[in-house]
Amino acid sequence: MISVQWLATGRRKSSVARVYLRPGKGNVIVNKQSVEEYFDRATLRMVLRQPLELVNMTENFDVVVNVCGGGKSGQAGAVLQGIARAL
């Protein structure tokens, strides 16, 4: 079985995010935690979903992210750029 996935890197300030985009049901995992656990502010979660909402694909892909460096806001921006590049 061949598994399809797209990989992209996003950067903002001193944050770096490796984003894996896979066909799925819309789950978002950040550093092995759900997006609600990792990004506790709703505005940061909204920022993450913007690229997927723009192309109406929020329910079509699962997103797995490894992010490090910087603060939560910079990390959210890096994840946003990674998702946009993967799309």
N, C-alpha and C. Protein backbone atom coordinates (compact mmCIF):
# COMPACT_ATOMS: atom_id res chain seq x y z
N MET A 1 0.84 -1.18 0.00
CA MET A 1 0.00 0.00 0.00
C MET A 1 0.89 1.24 0.00
N ILE A 2 0.60 2.15 -0.88
CA ILE A 2 1.37 3.38 -0.98
C ILE A 2 0.64 4.46 -0.20
N SER A 3 1.34 5.07 0.75
CA SER A 3 0.77 6.14 1.54
C SER A 3 1.21 7.48 0.97
N VAL A 4 0.26 8.34 0.72
CA VAL A 4 0.55 9.65 0.15
C VAL A 4 0.67 10.65 1.29
N GLN A 5 1.70 11.47 1.24
CA GLN A 5 1.87 12.52 2.23
C GLN A 5 2.73 13.62 1.64
N TRP A 6 2.49 14.84 2.09
CA TRP A 6 3.28 15.98 1.64
C TRP A 6 3.99 16.57 2.84
N LEU A 7 5.24 16.96 2.64
CA LEU A 7 6.06 17.52 3.70
C LEU A 7 6.47 18.93 3.31
N ALA A 8 6.38 19.85 4.25
CA ALA A 8 6.83 21.23 4.01
C ALA A 8 7.38 21.79 5.31
N THR A 9 8.23 22.78 5.19
CA THR A 9 8.82 23.45 6.34
C THR A 9 8.37 24.90 6.36
N GLY A 10 7.96 25.35 7.53
CA GLY A 10 7.58 26.74 7.71
C GLY A 10 8.46 27.39 8.76
N ARG A 11 8.76 28.67 8.58
CA ARG A 11 9.60 29.39 9.52
C ARG A 11 9.00 30.76 9.82
N ARG A 12 9.14 31.16 11.07
CA ARG A 12 8.77 32.52 11.46
C ARG A 12 9.56 32.87 12.70
N LYS A 13 10.18 34.04 12.66
CA LYS A 13 11.07 34.48 13.73
C LYS A 13 12.09 33.36 13.99
N SER A 14 12.12 32.80 15.20
CA SER A 14 13.08 31.72 15.46
C SER A 14 12.39 30.35 15.55
N SER A 15 11.15 30.26 15.09
CA SER A 15 10.39 29.01 15.11
C SER A 15 10.52 28.28 13.78
N VAL A 16 10.60 26.97 13.86
CA VAL A 16 10.66 26.12 12.67
C VAL A 16 9.63 25.01 12.83
N ALA A 17 8.82 24.80 11.80
CA ALA A 17 7.78 23.77 11.84
C ALA A 17 7.93 22.83 10.65
N ARG A 18 7.95 21.54 10.92
CA ARG A 18 7.89 20.52 9.85
C ARG A 18 6.45 20.03 9.83
N VAL A 19 5.82 20.18 8.68
CA VAL A 19 4.39 19.89 8.53
C VAL A 19 4.22 18.71 7.59
N TYR A 20 3.48 17.70 8.04
CA TYR A 20 3.14 16.53 7.22
C TYR A 20 1.64 16.59 6.96
N LEU A 21 1.28 16.65 5.70
CA LEU A 21 -0.12 16.73 5.28
C LEU A 21 -0.49 15.39 4.67
N ARG A 22 -1.53 14.75 5.23
CA ARG A 22 -1.95 13.43 4.77
C ARG A 22 -3.46 13.43 4.54
N PRO A 23 -3.92 12.64 3.58
CA PRO A 23 -5.38 12.51 3.42
C PRO A 23 -5.98 11.97 4.72
N GLY A 24 -7.07 12.56 5.16
CA GLY A 24 -7.67 12.13 6.42
C GLY A 24 -8.98 12.83 6.69
N LYS A 25 -9.25 13.05 7.99
CA LYS A 25 -10.55 13.58 8.41
C LYS A 25 -10.48 14.93 9.08
N GLY A 26 -9.33 15.59 9.04
CA GLY A 26 -9.23 16.94 9.60
C GLY A 26 -8.57 17.01 10.96
N ASN A 27 -7.91 15.94 11.40
CA ASN A 27 -7.22 15.96 12.68
C ASN A 27 -5.93 16.76 12.58
N VAL A 28 -5.63 17.52 13.64
CA VAL A 28 -4.39 18.29 13.69
C VAL A 28 -3.64 17.89 14.95
N ILE A 29 -2.42 17.39 14.79
CA ILE A 29 -1.57 16.97 15.90
C ILE A 29 -0.32 17.83 15.89
N VAL A 30 -0.01 18.46 17.02
CA VAL A 30 1.18 19.31 17.13
C VAL A 30 2.04 18.76 18.26
N ASN A 31 3.26 18.37 17.93
CA ASN A 31 4.20 17.81 18.91
C ASN A 31 3.55 16.70 19.75
N LYS A 32 2.87 15.78 19.07
CA LYS A 32 2.23 14.60 19.67
C LYS A 32 1.10 14.95 20.64
N GLN A 33 0.54 16.15 20.51
CA GLN A 33 -0.61 16.58 21.30
C GLN A 33 -1.68 17.08 20.35
N SER A 34 -2.92 17.09 20.81
CA SER A 34 -3.97 17.67 19.96
C SER A 34 -3.73 19.17 19.88
N VAL A 35 -4.24 19.79 18.83
CA VAL A 35 -4.03 21.22 18.62
C VAL A 35 -4.64 22.03 19.77
N GLU A 36 -5.73 21.54 20.36
CA GLU A 36 -6.37 22.24 21.47
C GLU A 36 -5.49 22.23 22.72
N GLU A 37 -4.75 21.15 22.93
CA GLU A 37 -3.86 21.06 24.09
C GLU A 37 -2.61 21.91 23.89
N TYR A 38 -2.05 21.90 22.69
CA TYR A 38 -0.78 22.59 22.46
C TYR A 38 -0.97 24.09 22.33
N PHE A 39 -1.92 24.51 21.49
CA PHE A 39 -2.21 25.94 21.32
C PHE A 39 -3.48 26.23 22.10
N ASP A 40 -3.33 26.76 23.31
CA ASP A 40 -4.48 26.96 24.18
C ASP A 40 -5.33 28.18 23.80
N ARG A 41 -4.78 29.12 23.05
CA ARG A 41 -5.55 30.29 22.63
C ARG A 41 -6.28 30.00 21.32
N ALA A 42 -7.55 30.37 21.28
CA ALA A 42 -8.37 30.12 20.09
C ALA A 42 -7.86 30.86 18.87
N THR A 43 -7.27 32.04 19.08
CA THR A 43 -6.77 32.81 17.94
C THR A 43 -5.61 32.09 17.26
N LEU A 44 -4.78 31.41 18.04
CA LEU A 44 -3.67 30.67 17.44
C LEU A 44 -4.18 29.47 16.64
N ARG A 45 -5.20 28.80 17.15
CA ARG A 45 -5.79 27.67 16.41
C ARG A 45 -6.46 28.16 15.13
N MET A 46 -7.06 29.35 15.18
CA MET A 46 -7.69 29.92 14.00
C MET A 46 -6.64 30.23 12.93
N VAL A 47 -5.49 30.73 13.35
CA VAL A 47 -4.40 31.04 12.42
C VAL A 47 -3.95 29.76 11.70
N LEU A 48 -3.87 28.66 12.42
CA LEU A 48 -3.42 27.40 11.82
C LEU A 48 -4.35 26.91 10.73
N ARG A 49 -5.63 27.12 10.91
CA ARG A 49 -6.62 26.56 9.99
C ARG A 49 -6.87 27.44 8.75
N GLN A 50 -6.35 28.65 8.73
CA GLN A 50 -6.62 29.57 7.64
C GLN A 50 -6.28 29.02 6.25
N PRO A 51 -5.10 28.43 6.03
CA PRO A 51 -4.81 27.93 4.67
C PRO A 51 -5.77 26.83 4.23
N LEU A 52 -6.14 25.93 5.15
CA LEU A 52 -7.05 24.85 4.81
C LEU A 52 -8.46 25.38 4.55
N GLU A 53 -8.90 26.37 5.32
CA GLU A 53 -10.22 26.95 5.10
C GLU A 53 -10.29 27.72 3.79
N LEU A 54 -9.19 28.35 3.41
CA LEU A 54 -9.16 29.11 2.18
C LEU A 54 -9.44 28.25 0.95
N VAL A 55 -8.95 27.01 0.97
CA VAL A 55 -9.15 26.10 -0.17
C VAL A 55 -10.23 25.05 0.11
N ASN A 56 -11.00 25.26 1.19
CA ASN A 56 -12.10 24.35 1.58
C ASN A 56 -11.65 22.90 1.72
N MET A 57 -10.55 22.68 2.42
CA MET A 57 -10.00 21.33 2.61
C MET A 57 -9.84 20.96 4.09
N THR A 58 -10.56 21.62 5.00
CA THR A 58 -10.37 21.37 6.42
C THR A 58 -10.71 19.93 6.82
N GLU A 59 -11.65 19.32 6.14
CA GLU A 59 -12.08 17.96 6.49
C GLU A 59 -11.41 16.90 5.62
N ASN A 60 -10.53 17.29 4.71
CA ASN A 60 -9.94 16.33 3.78
C ASN A 60 -8.53 15.88 4.16
N PHE A 61 -7.85 16.61 5.05
CA PHE A 61 -6.47 16.31 5.37
C PHE A 61 -6.25 16.23 6.87
N ASP A 62 -5.37 15.32 7.29
CA ASP A 62 -4.84 15.30 8.64
C ASP A 62 -3.50 16.02 8.60
N VAL A 63 -3.21 16.79 9.63
CA VAL A 63 -1.97 17.55 9.71
C VAL A 63 -1.20 17.09 10.93
N VAL A 64 0.05 16.70 10.73
CA VAL A 64 0.95 16.33 11.82
C VAL A 64 2.12 17.29 11.78
N VAL A 65 2.39 17.93 12.93
CA VAL A 65 3.39 19.00 12.97
C VAL A 65 4.40 18.73 14.06
N ASN A 66 5.68 18.96 13.74
CA ASN A 66 6.75 19.04 14.73
C ASN A 66 7.26 20.47 14.68
N VAL A 67 7.14 21.19 15.79
CA VAL A 67 7.53 22.60 15.82
C VAL A 67 8.42 22.85 17.03
N CYS A 68 9.41 23.72 16.85
CA CYS A 68 10.30 24.06 17.95
C CYS A 68 10.78 25.49 17.81
N GLY A 69 11.28 26.04 18.89
CA GLY A 69 11.86 27.38 18.90
C GLY A 69 10.82 28.46 19.05
N GLY A 70 11.24 29.58 19.63
CA GLY A 70 10.37 30.74 19.74
C GLY A 70 9.22 30.55 20.69
N GLY A 71 8.26 31.45 20.61
CA GLY A 71 7.06 31.39 21.44
C GLY A 71 5.90 30.79 20.68
N LYS A 72 4.77 30.72 21.34
CA LYS A 72 3.60 30.09 20.74
C LYS A 72 3.11 30.85 19.50
N SER A 73 3.15 32.16 19.52
CA SER A 73 2.69 32.95 18.37
C SER A 73 3.58 32.72 17.16
N GLY A 74 4.88 32.72 17.36
CA GLY A 74 5.81 32.45 16.27
C GLY A 74 5.66 31.03 15.75
N GLN A 75 5.42 30.09 16.65
CA GLN A 75 5.23 28.71 16.24
C GLN A 75 3.96 28.57 15.40
N ALA A 76 2.89 29.26 15.79
CA ALA A 76 1.65 29.21 15.02
C ALA A 76 1.87 29.78 13.62
N GLY A 77 2.64 30.85 13.51
CA GLY A 77 2.95 31.42 12.20
C GLY A 77 3.78 30.49 11.35
N ALA A 78 4.72 29.78 11.98
CA ALA A 78 5.54 28.82 11.25
C ALA A 78 4.69 27.65 10.75
N VAL A 79 3.76 27.19 11.57
CA VAL A 79 2.87 26.10 11.16
C VAL A 79 1.98 26.56 10.01
N LEU A 80 1.46 27.78 10.09
CA LEU A 80 0.64 28.33 9.01
C LEU A 80 1.41 28.31 7.70
N GLN A 81 2.65 28.77 7.71
CA GLN A 81 3.46 28.80 6.48
C GLN A 81 3.73 27.37 5.99
N GLY A 82 3.98 26.45 6.89
CA GLY A 82 4.22 25.06 6.50
C GLY A 82 3.00 24.43 5.84
N ILE A 83 1.82 24.68 6.40
CA ILE A 83 0.59 24.13 5.82
C ILE A 83 0.37 24.73 4.44
N ALA A 84 0.56 26.03 4.33
CA ALA A 84 0.37 26.71 3.03
C ALA A 84 1.33 26.15 1.98
N ARG A 85 2.56 25.92 2.35
CA ARG A 85 3.53 25.35 1.40
C ARG A 85 3.18 23.92 1.03
N ALA A 86 2.70 23.15 1.99
CA ALA A 86 2.33 21.76 1.70
C ALA A 86 1.15 21.67 0.75
N LEU A 87 0.23 22.61 0.87
CA LEU A 87 -0.93 22.62 -0.03
C LEU A 87 -0.49 22.96 -1.45
